[in-house]
C-alpha atoms as a PDB file:
ATOM      1  CA  MET A   1     -14.797  11.529   8.417  1.00  0.00           C
ATOM      2  CA  SER A   2     -11.642   9.578   8.091  1.00  0.00           C
ATOM      3  CA  LYS A   3     -11.787   6.038   8.631  1.00  0.00           C
ATOM      4  CA  ALA A   4      -9.872   3.794  11.175  1.00  0.00           C
ATOM      5  CA  ILE A   5      -7.154   1.969   9.576  1.00  0.00           C
ATOM      6  CA  LEU A   6      -7.554  -1.583  11.531  1.00  0.00           C
ATOM      7  CA  PRO A   7      -4.741  -4.084  12.657  1.00  0.00           C
ATOM      8  CA  GLY A   8      -4.791  -6.353   9.827  1.00  0.00           C
ATOM      9  CA  SER A   9      -4.477  -3.589   7.655  1.00  0.00           C
ATOM     10  CA  THR A  10      -1.134  -2.993   5.802  1.00  0.00           C
ATOM     11  CA  ILE A  11       1.030  -0.020   6.351  1.00  0.00           C
ATOM     12  CA  GLY A  12       4.207   0.738   3.933  1.00  0.00           C
ATOM     13  CA  VAL A  13       7.429   2.089   5.279  1.00  0.00           C
ATOM     14  CA  PHE A  14       9.640   4.104   2.417  1.00  0.00           C
ATOM     15  CA  GLY A  15      13.012   3.530   3.950  1.00  0.00           C
ATOM     16  CA  SER A  16      15.000   0.767   5.802  1.00  0.00           C
ATOM     17  CA  GLY A  17      16.602   1.687   8.866  1.00  0.00           C
ATOM     18  CA  GLN A  18      16.793   1.240  12.298  1.00  0.00           C
ATOM     19  CA  LEU A  19      14.022   3.392  12.663  1.00  0.00           C
ATOM     20  CA  GLY A  20      11.626   1.633  10.433  1.00  0.00           C
ATOM     21  CA  ARG A  21      12.530  -1.424  11.946  1.00  0.00           C
ATOM     22  CA  MET A  22      11.713   0.246  15.136  1.00  0.00           C
ATOM     23  CA  PHE A  23       7.883   1.192  13.179  1.00  0.00           C
ATOM     24  CA  ALA A  24       7.574  -1.644  11.692  1.00  0.00           C
ATOM     25  CA  ILE A  25       8.276  -4.230  15.547  1.00  0.00           C
ATOM     26  CA  GLU A  26       5.769  -2.411  16.697  1.00  0.00           C
ATOM     27  CA  ALA A  27       3.082  -2.408  14.245  1.00  0.00           C
ATOM     28  CA  ARG A  28       3.086  -5.855  13.795  1.00  0.00           C
ATOM     29  CA  LYS A  29       1.921  -6.469  18.016  1.00  0.00           C
ATOM     30  CA  MET A  30       0.023  -4.149  17.276  1.00  0.00           C
ATOM     31  CA  GLY A  31      -1.394  -6.526  14.773  1.00  0.00           C
ATOM     32  CA  TYR A  32      -0.557  -4.788  11.318  1.00  0.00           C
ATOM     33  CA  ARG A  33       1.007  -6.271   8.115  1.00  0.00           C
ATOM     34  CA  VAL A  34       4.349  -4.375   6.966  1.00  0.00           C
ATOM     35  CA  HIS A  35       5.495  -3.654   3.810  1.00  0.00           C
ATOM     36  CA  THR A  36       8.613  -1.767   3.409  1.00  0.00           C
ATOM     37  CA  PHE A  37      10.523   0.057   0.520  1.00  0.00           C
ATOM     38  CA  SER A  38      14.135   1.125  -0.515  1.00  0.00           C
ATOM     39  CA  PRO A  39      16.789   0.467  -2.605  1.00  0.00           C
ATOM     40  CA  ASP A  40      18.655  -1.724  -0.943  1.00  0.00           C
ATOM     41  CA  MET A  41      17.970  -5.635   0.375  1.00  0.00           C
ATOM     42  CA  ASP A  42      18.128  -7.401   3.745  1.00  0.00           C
ATOM     43  CA  THR A  43      17.156  -4.134   5.825  1.00  0.00           C
ATOM     44  CA  PRO A  44      17.007  -3.878   9.527  1.00  0.00           C
ATOM     45  CA  THR A  45      13.122  -2.826   8.211  1.00  0.00           C
ATOM     46  CA  GLY A  46      13.180  -5.650   5.587  1.00  0.00           C
ATOM     47  CA  GLN A  47      14.554  -8.067   7.828  1.00  0.00           C
ATOM     48  CA  VAL A  48      10.833  -7.857  10.025  1.00  0.00           C
ATOM     49  CA  ALA A  49       8.437  -7.129   7.787  1.00  0.00           C
ATOM     50  CA  ASP A  50       5.921  -9.086   5.664  1.00  0.00           C
ATOM     51  CA  ILE A  51       7.615  -7.675   2.086  1.00  0.00           C
ATOM     52  CA  GLU A  52      10.252  -5.658   1.631  1.00  0.00           C
ATOM     53  CA  THR A  53      10.480  -3.993  -2.072  1.00  0.00           C
ATOM     54  CA  SER A  54      13.870  -3.126  -3.319  1.00  0.00           C
ATOM     55  CA  ALA A  55      14.035  -0.303  -6.391  1.00  0.00           C
ATOM     56  CA  SER A  56      15.499   3.240  -6.483  1.00  0.00           C
ATOM     57  CA  TYR A  57      12.493   5.634  -4.660  1.00  0.00           C
ATOM     58  CA  ASP A  58      13.405   7.286  -8.286  1.00  0.00           C
ATOM     59  CA  ASP A  59      11.363   4.515 -10.221  1.00  0.00           C
ATOM     60  CA  LEU A  60       7.955   6.353  -9.594  1.00  0.00           C
ATOM     61  CA  ASP A  61       6.105   3.577 -11.173  1.00  0.00           C
ATOM     62  CA  ARG A  62       7.857   1.229  -8.477  1.00  0.00           C
ATOM     63  CA  VAL A  63       6.564   3.504  -6.325  1.00  0.00           C
ATOM     64  CA  ARG A  64       3.549   4.206  -7.207  1.00  0.00           C
ATOM     65  CA  GLU A  65       2.473   0.547  -7.353  1.00  0.00           C
ATOM     66  CA  PHE A  66       3.755  -0.008  -3.759  1.00  0.00           C
ATOM     67  CA  ALA A  67       2.007   2.632  -2.399  1.00  0.00           C
ATOM     68  CA  HIS A  68      -1.240   2.032  -4.040  1.00  0.00           C
ATOM     69  CA  GLN A  69      -1.266  -0.908  -1.715  1.00  0.00           C
ATOM     70  CA  MET A  70      -0.775   0.133   1.250  1.00  0.00           C
ATOM     71  CA  ALA A  71      -3.637   1.314   4.132  1.00  0.00           C
ATOM     72  CA  ILE A  72      -0.953   3.550   5.211  1.00  0.00           C
ATOM     73  CA  ARG A  73       2.307   4.779   4.386  1.00  0.00           C
ATOM     74  CA  ARG A  74       5.411   6.389   6.388  1.00  0.00           C
ATOM     75  CA  PRO A  75       7.560   8.207   4.921  1.00  0.00           C
ATOM     76  CA  PRO A  76      11.211   8.256   5.178  1.00  0.00           C
ATOM     77  CA  SER A  77      12.402   9.880   8.401  1.00  0.00           C
ATOM     78  CA  GLY A  78      16.186  10.642   7.383  1.00  0.00           C
ATOM     79  CA  ASP A  79      16.304  11.285   3.798  1.00  0.00           C
ATOM     80  CA  VAL A  80      14.539  15.181   3.048  1.00  0.00           C
ATOM     81  CA  LEU A  81      14.855  14.757  -0.551  1.00  0.00           C
ATOM     82  CA  SER A  82      13.243  11.227  -0.383  1.00  0.00           C
ATOM     83  CA  GLN A  83      10.519  13.166   1.565  1.00  0.00           C
ATOM     84  CA  GLN A  84       9.866  16.018  -0.623  1.00  0.00           C
ATOM     85  CA  ARG A  85       9.811  13.950  -3.216  1.00  0.00           C
ATOM     86  CA  TYR A  86       7.695  11.665  -1.708  1.00  0.00           C
ATOM     87  CA  LYS A  87       4.615  14.852  -0.964  1.00  0.00           C
ATOM     88  CA  THR A  88       5.326  16.243  -4.620  1.00  0.00           C
ATOM     89  CA  GLU A  89       5.158  13.271  -6.543  1.00  0.00           C
ATOM     90  CA  TRP A  90       3.214  10.674  -5.026  1.00  0.00           C
ATOM     91  CA  ARG A  91      -0.674  11.057  -5.256  1.00  0.00           C
ATOM     92  CA  PRO A  92      -3.009   9.009  -3.254  1.00  0.00           C
ATOM     93  CA  PRO A  93      -5.325   6.880  -4.680  1.00  0.00           C
ATOM     94  CA  GLN A  94      -8.704   8.091  -5.439  1.00  0.00           C
ATOM     95  CA  HIS A  95     -11.116   6.099  -3.869  1.00  0.00           C
ATOM     96  CA  SER A  96     -15.388   5.984  -4.589  1.00  0.00           C
ATOM     97  CA  ALA A  97     -17.759   6.729  -1.963  1.00  0.00           C
ATOM     98  CA  SER A  98     -19.339   3.667  -1.035  1.00  0.00           C
END
């Protein structure tokens, strides 16, 4: 059974364009914290996110560090190569049963 991701949780957004911005605005209206990750700075999504991380998608250590802090992650919507890399190279954290 999956656990609900409640407001107050942090949603991670890989990518930083207009779609990410719209997503972040709506998520914040619902009470979620939003962190964004992209190679760029001062991005449309970053301008409304709680935290903006700027690093290359190829920097897998930074990607993993970012991803492990999130309750849920949204992969980039427009960059097919990055989406594929996200699906094949990132592994979710293993949580122990409580």
